[in-house]
Structure formats: structure tokens, C-alpha cells
Protein backbone atom coordinates (compact mmCIF):
# COMPACT_ATOMS: atom_id res chain seq x y z
CA MET A 1 131.41 -3.74 220.13
CA SER A 2 127.78 -3.08 219.23
CA SER A 3 128.11 0.59 220.20
CA GLY A 4 131.02 0.86 217.73
CA LYS A 5 128.87 -0.51 214.92
CA ARG A 6 126.03 1.84 215.80
CA LYS A 7 128.43 4.78 215.58
CA THR A 8 129.71 3.68 212.19
CA ARG A 9 126.16 3.46 210.86
CA GLU A 10 125.41 6.94 212.16
CA ASP A 11 128.53 8.18 210.46
CA LEU A 12 127.35 6.66 207.16
CA ILE A 13 123.96 8.27 207.54
CA GLN A 14 125.65 11.60 208.20
CA VAL A 15 127.82 11.20 205.09
CA GLU A 16 124.77 10.34 203.00
CA TYR A 17 122.96 13.36 204.40
CA ASP A 18 125.90 15.63 203.65
CA LEU A 19 126.12 14.30 200.09
CA TYR A 20 122.39 14.77 199.57
CA THR A 21 122.58 18.30 200.95
CA GLU A 22 125.50 19.12 198.64
CA MET A 23 123.57 17.65 195.72
CA LEU A 24 120.59 19.86 196.51
CA ILE A 25 122.81 22.92 196.75
CA GLU A 26 124.41 22.13 193.38
CA ARG A 27 120.98 21.50 191.89
CA ARG A 28 119.69 24.84 193.14
CA ALA A 29 122.85 26.53 191.82
CA LYS A 30 122.31 24.99 188.40
CA GLN A 31 118.70 26.10 188.47
CA GLU A 32 119.87 29.63 189.27
CA GLU A 33 122.15 29.49 186.21
CA ASP A 34 119.60 27.83 183.93
CA PRO A 35 118.45 30.49 181.41
CA GLN A 36 115.01 28.97 181.01
CA THR A 37 114.41 28.93 184.76
CA ILE A 38 115.54 32.54 185.05
CA ALA A 39 113.35 33.56 182.10
CA LEU A 40 110.30 31.93 183.71
CA ARG A 41 110.90 33.84 186.92
CA LEU A 42 111.62 37.21 185.27
CA LEU A 43 108.64 36.92 182.94
CA ASP A 44 106.37 35.67 185.73
CA LEU A 45 105.56 32.36 184.04
CA ARG A 46 104.94 28.96 185.59
CA SER A 47 105.55 26.52 182.75
CA ALA A 48 108.09 26.19 179.96
CA GLU A 49 105.13 25.78 177.61
CA ASP A 50 104.31 29.43 178.24
CA LEU A 51 107.82 30.46 177.12
CA ILE A 52 109.15 31.13 173.61
CA SER A 53 112.69 31.95 172.44
CA PHE A 54 114.48 33.26 169.37
CA ASP A 55 118.19 33.33 168.57
CA GLU A 56 120.67 34.67 166.01
CA THR A 57 124.38 34.07 165.41
CA LEU A 58 126.38 37.05 164.17
CA THR A 59 129.31 37.01 161.76
CA PRO A 60 132.34 39.31 162.27
CA SER A 61 130.92 42.00 159.98
CA ASP A 62 127.94 42.58 162.32
CA ILE A 63 129.43 42.12 165.78
CA GLU A 64 130.71 45.62 166.51
CA SER A 65 127.62 47.40 165.22
CA VAL A 66 125.22 45.08 167.09
CA LEU A 67 127.15 45.45 170.34
CA LEU A 68 126.80 49.22 170.02
CA VAL A 69 123.03 48.75 169.84
CA VAL A 70 123.18 46.43 172.87
CA ALA A 71 125.05 49.15 174.75
CA ASP A 72 122.16 51.48 173.90
CA LEU A 73 119.67 48.87 175.16
CA LEU A 74 121.30 48.97 178.58
CA ASP A 75 119.81 52.43 179.07
CA ARG A 76 116.33 50.92 178.73
CA ALA A 77 116.94 47.82 180.87
CA VAL A 78 115.31 47.02 184.20
CA GLU A 79 118.38 47.91 186.23
CA GLU A 80 118.28 45.11 188.82
CA THR A 81 118.18 42.45 186.08
CA VAL A 82 121.40 43.47 184.31
CA ARG A 83 124.02 40.74 184.70
CA GLY A 84 126.28 38.56 182.63
CA ALA A 85 124.91 36.19 180.00
CA ASN A 86 125.69 33.57 182.63
CA PRO A 87 123.58 35.20 185.36
CA THR A 88 125.93 34.16 188.17
CA ARG A 89 128.71 36.22 186.59
CA PRO A 90 129.05 39.94 185.94
CA THR A 91 128.74 41.69 182.60
CA THR A 92 131.94 41.64 180.55
CA TRP A 93 133.05 44.52 178.33
CA GLU A 94 135.48 45.20 175.51
CA THR A 95 136.77 48.33 173.80
CA ILE A 96 136.04 48.87 170.11
CA GLU A 97 138.50 51.09 168.28
CA LEU A 98 136.73 53.56 166.00
CA GLY A 99 139.41 55.32 164.03
CA ASP A 100 140.53 58.26 166.16
CA GLY A 101 138.46 57.18 169.19
CA SER A 102 137.06 54.16 171.01
CA VAL A 103 133.92 53.00 172.83
CA ARG A 104 133.18 50.27 175.41
CA VAL A 105 130.48 47.72 174.65
CA PRO A 106 129.11 44.71 176.60
CA THR A 107 130.17 41.36 175.13
CA SER A 108 128.44 39.15 177.72
CA VAL A 109 125.25 40.56 179.23
CA SER A 110 121.64 39.68 179.98
CA LEU A 111 118.86 42.11 180.77
CA LEU A 112 115.10 42.46 181.06
CA LEU A 113 113.52 44.90 178.58
CA HIS A 114 110.04 46.19 177.88
CA ILE A 115 109.37 46.77 174.18
CA GLY A 116 106.49 47.68 171.88
CA GLU A 117 104.87 50.94 170.87
CA ASN A 118 101.39 50.23 172.18
CA LEU A 119 101.93 47.18 174.39
CA ASP A 120 104.30 46.73 177.31
CA VAL A 121 105.91 43.46 176.22
CA PRO A 122 108.70 42.13 178.48
CA ILE A 123 111.60 40.12 177.05
CA TRP A 124 114.77 38.68 178.57
CA PHE A 125 117.69 39.37 176.22
CA ARG A 126 121.11 37.69 176.33
CA THR A 127 124.29 38.01 174.25
CA TRP A 128 127.61 36.25 174.63
CA SER A 129 130.63 35.08 172.63
CA SER A 130 132.52 31.81 172.47
CA SER A 131 135.27 33.42 170.38
CA PRO A 132 135.47 37.21 170.87
CA GLY A 133 135.62 39.12 167.61
CA TYR A 134 134.66 36.12 165.46
CA SER A 135 131.22 35.07 166.70
CA GLN A 136 128.49 36.53 168.87
CA TYR A 137 125.20 34.95 169.94
CA LEU A 138 121.89 36.70 170.57
CA HIS A 139 119.03 35.04 172.48
CA VAL A 140 115.60 36.34 173.47
CA TYR A 141 113.06 34.75 175.83
CA ALA A 142 109.48 36.01 175.88
CA ARG A 143 105.96 34.96 176.73
CA ALA A 144 104.50 32.64 174.12
CA SER A 145 101.42 34.85 174.05
CA ASP A 146 103.63 37.75 172.88
CA ALA A 147 105.23 35.82 170.00
CA ASP A 148 103.79 38.06 167.28
CA GLU A 149 105.06 41.17 169.07
CA ILE A 150 108.67 40.06 169.51
CA GLU A 151 109.28 37.73 166.56
CA GLY A 152 111.00 40.52 164.63
CA PHE A 153 112.97 41.93 167.57
CA LEU A 154 116.34 40.36 166.71
CA PRO A 155 116.10 40.92 162.92
CA ASP A 156 115.10 44.52 163.57
CA LEU A 157 117.98 44.97 166.02
CA ILE A 158 120.47 43.67 163.44
CA ALA A 159 118.96 45.84 160.69
CA THR A 160 119.25 48.90 162.94
CA ALA A 161 122.87 48.01 163.71
CA ARG A 162 123.62 47.78 160.01
CA SER A 163 122.13 51.18 159.20
CA GLU A 164 121.48 54.17 161.46
CA MET A 165 123.35 52.72 164.47
CA SER A 166 126.25 51.36 162.44
CA PRO A 167 129.69 52.53 163.59
CA TYR A 168 130.72 52.45 159.93
CA LEU A 169 128.09 54.88 158.67
CA ARG A 170 129.76 57.93 157.08
CA ARG A 171 133.17 56.86 158.41
CA VAL A 172 136.38 55.71 156.69
CA VAL A 173 136.62 51.92 157.02
CA GLU A 174 138.80 49.10 155.73
CA ALA A 175 137.12 45.97 154.36
CA GLN A 176 139.09 42.88 155.35
CA LEU A 177 138.77 39.11 155.02
CA VAL A 178 138.89 37.50 158.49
CA HIS A 179 138.55 33.70 158.76
CA GLY A 180 136.51 33.62 155.57
CA ASN A 181 134.17 36.41 156.68
CA LEU A 182 133.85 40.06 155.72
CA LYS A 183 135.13 42.35 158.48
CA LEU A 184 134.88 46.14 158.52
CA ARG A 185 137.24 48.24 160.63
CA VAL A 186 137.06 51.99 161.21
CA VAL A 187 140.42 53.65 160.49
CA PRO A 188 141.76 57.14 161.28
CA THR A 189 140.92 59.95 158.91
CA PRO A 190 143.62 60.33 156.21
CA LEU A 191 145.73 63.48 156.45
CA GLU A 192 146.22 64.16 152.73
CA THR A 193 144.52 67.18 151.10
CA ARG A 194 144.16 68.39 147.50
CA SER A 195 146.69 71.15 148.14
CA GLY A 196 149.34 68.47 148.49
CA LEU A 197 148.72 66.95 145.05
CA ILE A 198 149.96 68.19 141.69
CA PHE A 199 147.96 66.81 138.74
CA GLU A 200 147.12 67.83 135.22
CA ASP A 201 143.73 69.53 134.83
CA ASP A 202 142.11 66.50 133.19
CA VAL A 203 142.60 64.45 136.37
CA TRP A 204 140.76 66.96 138.55
CA SER A 205 138.07 67.34 135.89
CA ALA A 206 137.46 63.58 135.91
CA VAL A 207 137.23 63.55 139.71
CA THR A 208 134.81 66.48 139.72
CA ARG A 209 132.58 64.91 137.08
CA ASN A 210 132.55 61.29 138.25
CA VAL A 211 132.77 61.68 142.02
CA ASP A 212 131.82 65.16 143.22
CA ARG A 213 128.94 65.73 140.82
CA LEU A 214 127.68 62.17 141.14
CA PHE A 215 127.23 62.62 144.88
CA GLU A 216 125.71 66.08 144.37
CA ARG A 217 123.21 64.89 141.75
CA MET A 218 122.64 61.32 142.88
CA ASP A 219 119.03 61.86 143.95
CA ALA A 220 118.15 63.43 140.60
CA LEU A 221 119.72 60.52 138.70
CA VAL A 222 117.90 57.92 140.79
CA GLN A 223 114.54 59.71 140.50
CA SER A 224 115.01 59.88 136.73
CA GLY A 225 115.64 56.15 136.56
CA LEU A 226 119.20 56.70 135.35
CA GLY A 227 120.95 54.88 138.20
CA GLY A 228 122.87 56.15 141.20
CA ASN A 229 126.18 54.32 140.76
CA ARG A 230 129.35 55.27 138.93
CA GLY A 231 132.86 53.96 138.42
CA LEU A 232 136.13 55.81 137.84
CA LEU A 233 139.35 54.01 136.95
CA LEU A 234 142.66 55.74 137.71
CA ALA A 235 145.49 54.30 135.63
CA GLY A 236 149.18 55.16 135.70
CA PRO A 237 152.64 53.96 136.71
CA PRO A 238 153.64 53.68 140.37
CA GLY A 239 154.32 56.93 142.19
CA THR A 240 151.98 59.10 140.13
CA GLY A 241 149.61 59.82 143.04
CA LYS A 242 146.79 57.30 142.60
CA THR A 243 146.84 56.19 146.24
CA ALA A 244 147.25 59.75 147.49
CA LEU A 245 144.24 60.84 145.45
CA CYS A 246 142.14 58.04 146.95
CA ARG A 247 143.17 59.12 150.45
CA VAL A 248 142.23 62.72 149.66
CA LEU A 249 138.78 61.57 148.54
CA ALA A 250 138.43 59.50 151.71
CA ARG A 251 139.20 62.55 153.83
CA GLU A 252 136.84 64.78 151.89
CA TYR A 253 133.85 62.43 151.96
CA GLU A 254 134.10 61.20 155.54
CA GLY A 255 131.00 62.51 157.26
CA SER A 256 128.86 62.73 154.14
CA ALA A 257 129.44 59.22 152.72
CA THR A 258 130.64 55.85 153.95
CA VAL A 259 134.16 55.43 152.58
CA VAL A 260 135.36 51.82 152.16
CA ILE A 261 138.98 50.92 151.39
CA VAL A 262 138.93 47.45 149.84
CA SER A 263 141.74 44.94 150.34
CA ALA A 264 142.75 42.63 147.48
CA SER A 265 141.32 39.56 149.28
CA VAL A 266 137.92 41.20 149.73
CA GLY A 267 138.00 42.44 146.14
CA SER A 268 138.64 38.91 144.91
CA TYR A 269 136.25 36.90 147.07
CA MET A 270 133.84 39.04 149.12
CA LEU A 271 132.86 41.87 146.81
CA SER A 272 129.20 40.89 146.56
CA GLU A 273 128.89 40.67 150.35
CA LEU A 274 130.51 44.08 150.67
CA TYR A 275 128.11 45.77 148.25
CA GLU A 276 125.16 44.12 149.96
CA ARG A 277 126.28 45.71 153.24
CA LEU A 278 126.63 49.04 151.48
CA ASN A 279 122.93 49.01 150.61
CA LEU A 280 122.31 50.18 154.19
CA LEU A 281 125.32 52.51 154.38
CA THR A 282 124.81 54.66 151.29
CA PRO A 283 125.84 57.04 149.94
CA ALA A 284 129.16 55.24 149.77
CA LEU A 285 132.55 55.69 148.16
CA VAL A 286 134.44 52.44 147.47
CA LEU A 287 138.19 52.67 146.89
CA VAL A 288 139.76 49.63 145.20
CA GLU A 289 143.53 49.75 144.81
CA ASP A 290 145.48 47.62 142.30
CA LEU A 291 142.43 46.47 140.37
CA ASP A 292 144.63 44.50 137.96
CA LEU A 293 145.56 42.15 140.83
CA ILE A 294 141.86 41.40 141.34
CA VAL A 295 140.41 41.13 137.85
CA GLY A 296 143.41 40.68 135.54
CA ASP A 297 142.85 39.84 131.87
CA ARG A 298 140.68 36.93 130.81
CA GLN A 299 143.39 35.88 128.31
CA ASP A 300 145.32 34.72 131.37
CA GLY A 301 142.35 32.67 132.57
CA VAL A 302 139.05 33.68 134.14
CA GLY A 303 139.37 33.80 137.93
CA PRO A 304 136.74 34.29 140.64
CA GLY A 305 137.76 37.91 141.10
CA LEU A 306 136.93 38.88 137.50
CA ILE A 307 133.61 37.04 137.38
CA GLN A 308 132.43 38.38 140.73
CA PHE A 309 133.67 41.87 140.02
CA LEU A 310 131.80 42.14 136.72
CA THR A 311 128.64 40.63 138.21
CA VAL A 312 128.63 42.93 141.21
CA LEU A 313 129.18 46.09 139.21
CA ASP A 314 126.35 45.06 136.89
CA GLY A 315 124.12 44.94 139.97
CA LEU A 316 122.92 41.41 139.20
CA MET A 317 123.72 40.09 142.67
CA THR A 318 123.39 43.11 144.92
CA ARG A 319 121.14 45.65 143.16
CA HIS A 320 123.08 48.35 144.97
CA THR A 321 122.60 52.06 144.38
CA GLY A 322 124.23 55.20 145.65
CA VAL A 323 127.79 53.86 145.34
CA VAL A 324 130.74 55.49 143.59
CA THR A 325 133.61 53.08 142.94
CA VAL A 326 137.10 54.47 142.34
CA ALA A 327 139.73 51.92 141.40
CA THR A 328 143.44 52.19 140.59
CA THR A 329 145.76 50.20 138.38
CA ASN A 330 149.42 50.51 137.46
CA ASP A 331 148.70 49.13 134.00
CA ALA A 332 145.30 49.60 132.34
CA ARG A 333 146.25 46.98 129.74
CA ALA A 334 146.21 44.35 132.49
CA VAL A 335 142.56 45.08 133.34
CA ASP A 336 140.09 43.02 131.33
CA ALA A 337 138.28 45.12 128.73
CA ALA A 338 134.88 43.94 130.01
CA ALA A 339 135.61 45.62 133.35
CA GLN A 340 136.14 48.94 131.60
CA ARG A 341 132.88 49.33 129.72
CA ALA A 342 130.20 51.85 130.74
CA ALA A 343 128.10 51.02 133.83
CA ARG A 344 131.15 49.28 135.32
CA PHE A 345 133.84 51.92 134.98
CA ASP A 346 132.30 54.86 133.20
CA GLN A 347 135.59 56.70 132.66
CA MET A 348 139.28 55.92 132.76
CA VAL A 349 141.72 58.74 133.50
CA HIS A 350 145.45 58.37 133.02
CA LEU A 351 147.80 59.73 135.67
CA GLY A 352 151.04 59.99 133.73
CA LEU A 353 154.51 61.00 134.85
CA PRO A 354 154.58 64.73 135.63
CA SER A 355 155.53 67.26 132.99
CA GLU A 356 158.47 69.61 133.49
CA GLU A 357 156.14 72.31 134.80
CA ALA A 358 154.48 69.82 137.17
CA ARG A 359 157.86 68.54 138.39
CA ARG A 360 158.87 72.08 139.33
CA ALA A 361 155.58 72.57 141.19
CA ILE A 362 156.10 69.28 143.04
CA LEU A 363 159.63 70.26 144.09
CA GLU A 364 158.35 73.63 145.30
CA LEU A 365 155.65 71.87 147.30
CA TYR A 366 158.06 69.49 149.05
CA LEU A 367 160.63 72.23 149.72
CA MET A 368 158.07 74.75 150.96
CA LYS A 369 159.04 74.29 154.62
CA VAL A 370 162.70 73.40 154.01
CA ASP A 371 165.63 75.85 154.03
CA HIS A 372 167.03 75.63 150.50
CA VAL A 373 169.02 77.48 147.88
CA ALA A 374 168.44 75.89 144.48
CA ASP A 375 167.42 76.47 140.87
CA LEU A 376 164.25 74.36 140.79
CA ALA A 377 163.58 75.11 137.12
CA SER A 378 166.92 73.56 136.21
CA LEU A 379 166.29 70.53 138.41
CA ALA A 380 162.85 70.05 136.89
CA SER A 381 164.23 70.08 133.34
CA GLN A 382 166.87 67.47 134.25
CA SER A 383 164.53 65.05 136.05
CA ASP A 384 162.42 63.79 133.16
CA GLY A 385 161.02 60.33 133.95
CA LEU A 386 160.74 60.83 137.69
CA SER A 387 157.34 60.49 139.35
CA GLY A 388 155.93 62.60 142.14
CA ALA A 389 156.93 59.90 144.64
CA ASP A 390 160.45 59.91 143.16
CA LEU A 391 160.74 63.69 143.60
CA ARG A 392 159.63 63.36 147.20
CA GLU A 393 162.46 60.91 147.76
CA VAL A 394 164.89 63.29 146.04
CA VAL A 395 164.02 66.00 148.56
CA ARG A 396 164.22 63.57 151.50
CA SER A 397 167.65 62.36 150.41
CA ALA A 398 168.88 65.91 149.85
CA ILE A 399 167.85 66.90 153.38
CA LEU A 400 169.89 63.98 154.74
CA ASP A 401 172.90 64.92 152.58
CA ALA A 402 172.87 68.66 153.38
CA ASP A 403 175.98 69.51 155.44
CA ASP A 404 174.59 72.45 157.41
CA GLY A 405 170.84 71.76 157.20
CA THR A 406 170.30 73.99 154.17
CA VAL A 407 169.48 72.05 151.01
CA ARG A 408 171.49 73.25 148.03
CA GLN A 409 171.53 72.63 144.31
CA LYS A 410 174.27 70.02 144.56
CA ASP A 411 172.35 68.03 147.19
CA LEU A 412 169.21 67.88 145.07
CA ALA A 413 171.12 67.14 141.86
CA ALA A 414 173.10 64.33 143.48
CA ALA A 415 169.95 62.77 144.93
CA SER A 416 168.18 63.04 141.57
CA ASP A 417 171.11 61.45 139.71
CA ARG A 418 171.30 58.54 142.17
CA LEU A 419 167.60 57.82 141.80
CA MET A 420 167.62 58.02 138.01
CA GLN A 421 170.62 55.70 137.82
CA ALA A 422 168.92 53.24 140.14
CA LYS A 423 165.80 53.24 137.96
CA GLU A 424 167.87 52.65 134.81
CA THR A 425 169.63 49.61 136.30
CA ALA A 426 166.50 48.15 137.92
């Protein structure tokens, strides 16, 4: 009986020992995961009092560019220290789409770096995300004695990411509103060229003067104290080529300027934030479509889009320079007059419906690679009121109607009549 009790007690002691051993193992594991403990070891410090840390939280507009800089930091890291932000786990990666290409960047990583021009200052750097694409955290541990040397490390890293290391610099990007934050996204290069557009001479003259020459002579204007910004407003009914012209400009200036295509939501609520970002990405070309949807007319009530738009273009909030803004509207009368004065939009150019001569040139352009037998002069004279987009649809419809693949006069005439009738009854 007594031997049975003795055995039970030994069993309890063994259980307690096993639990204590497991607790020690878990404690050691937690210590291995504890960032402060790891930082002390990597930086060869004994006490937490000898350690200092700095942190930053990124918004969506900075994440991609900062992660590209982090990817560059990996080349300078002490190789055996590279691991996940949680050191017991590996580095995680994601692919960032950059228009026509892509690049892989680390989203969860920690690494030991040595920084400083004259001093060899070690830091332990970590970055991770709790919600990929929407937030990213940066954390640096360093020796307290090196505080002055590394205090600006994270701000400098972010500033670098926003300027010379930015994936948006001299690219075509879309500005979007994502969960209340400004988000930039690199998009493929537009395909449109000037040879595919038929405009009156005054349109091209306005583009040359307000866009091409502004970029060419921007430095001279700034040095003379005459400002380095300009605005051009393109006004005209739908289908007259406003959007196509903006896409041509985007194609032409990619590589020499940062081209930003602005969504209506960004134009209404995040315009000041956008222009602040552009301070580090100049020279820049901003393309704002459907301006009337953003600013409207103050007779219909003053909305946030109008107030912010006027303030931003005046430079009162952002003090930007080196930015050319090209905006479009279907109806210039719907754009508040205050938005059209000099120093906001310096010139308005009207893109009207094409003349008879222009309509013939447009038909010739769209039929250039199509087998056809038709009197285009006659068609042009009978299609008054049709826009360039309408004439494109006429040719498309005629190709579908052609019995043997060759577009004839009757096919084009029938397509033109259908479209004009539809416009009359609309």
C-alpha cells in the first residue's frame, strides 16, 4: 500500500518536472522571438537601457515605394541575420505590378545593417504588415549611444522612396482613393499617338504652347520667378478626342515626367495630398478628366471639390512647382468661372465637332488598313454632327455589315444613317 503511494508521488513529481521543463522551453522560445532580446544580442548590448528604437507606419501611397527601398537594403544586410519580421519565420515576399512589368519585394523581413558615412553604426531593421497593401510598419533598433546617427534613418528612407527610388517617378500612374487614403498605381503605357488624332490647328497650338513649351522652358520660368506650373482646359462634347489627347500626352511624357491620371474621387477629396506627393516627383503632368464632375458651378452649391481644387491650384496648401495640369470637360459652362482664371487654368481650348474636311480625314484614318471602295468625300459631307468617336463606330459597323469583307459605300452610309437617327431620338 505504501509503495503504491510512493509511486504516485513520484509520478506527480515527474509531471511537475515535465511541466516546468515545457515552461522553460516555451519561455526560451518566446525570448528567441522577442524583438528586444534579439536586438540586444545582435547589437552586442547587455541591458535594455542601452537600446533605443524608432518606428513609422506607412499609408498605402508609400508602401510600394518603401518596399522597393527595403529590397535594395537587402543587398547591404549582414546575410546571416536576414529573416522574417518574426525571426522564427522566413521572409515573405509579394509581387508589385509596375505597368508593363513587375518586381518582387519583401513584405515581412528583419535584417542587421551598418550605416553612416564616417561611422560604422549597426541597426536592426524590421518591416511587416497586418493588412497587406493597406498598412506597413517600420521599426529600427539601435544602440542608445548612436541615437543622433540613426534618428533620421526612417524619415530619410521614406523621403528616398518618395523621390529617386519611387516606382512612380517618370512613369504613367493612376491616382486612386483606397480606404480613405491616396494610392498610386503604375499602369501600362498608352498606345495612342498623335498620328491617330485629327484636330484643328488651334488645338495642337494650345498643346504646344501650354504643355510642350512649358516643360521645355520650366527652369527658365522658375529662375525668373514666374512660376513653373500651368493649366490647360480642354472643353468639348463627348467623342471629340479629349481623352485620346490626354493618353497621347501620357505616352509622350512617360520617361521625362511623372504622368498622373486622376480619378474623380481623388480630384474631389485628395487633390492636396496628391500635389504634395508630386513635389518630389516633378516634373509632372496631371491629367484630370471630367473636371465639371469635380468642381461644378458654385451656383449649384459650393462643394469640397471646388474649394480644394481652387486652393490647390493657387498653391496655398501645397506650394507645388513643376506641374502641368491638363483637364477635360464636356461642358465648359458647368465649370465654375473661378477655376478658369489665369494661374489656375491659363488657357481653355475648345475641341468642337469635326469639320467636313476633318471628317474625311478621320474616315481615311480609320479605313487605312481596311479593304474598301467608297466615296469618302460624299460620306463626309453627309455626316455633319458626328464626332470622331461616332465616325469610328461607323467604320466598325460597316466592317461588320460588309458581305464579302470589303467595305462599300452602302455599308458606310447605312451605318452613318443608323447612328445619326439614334442620336436624333436620344
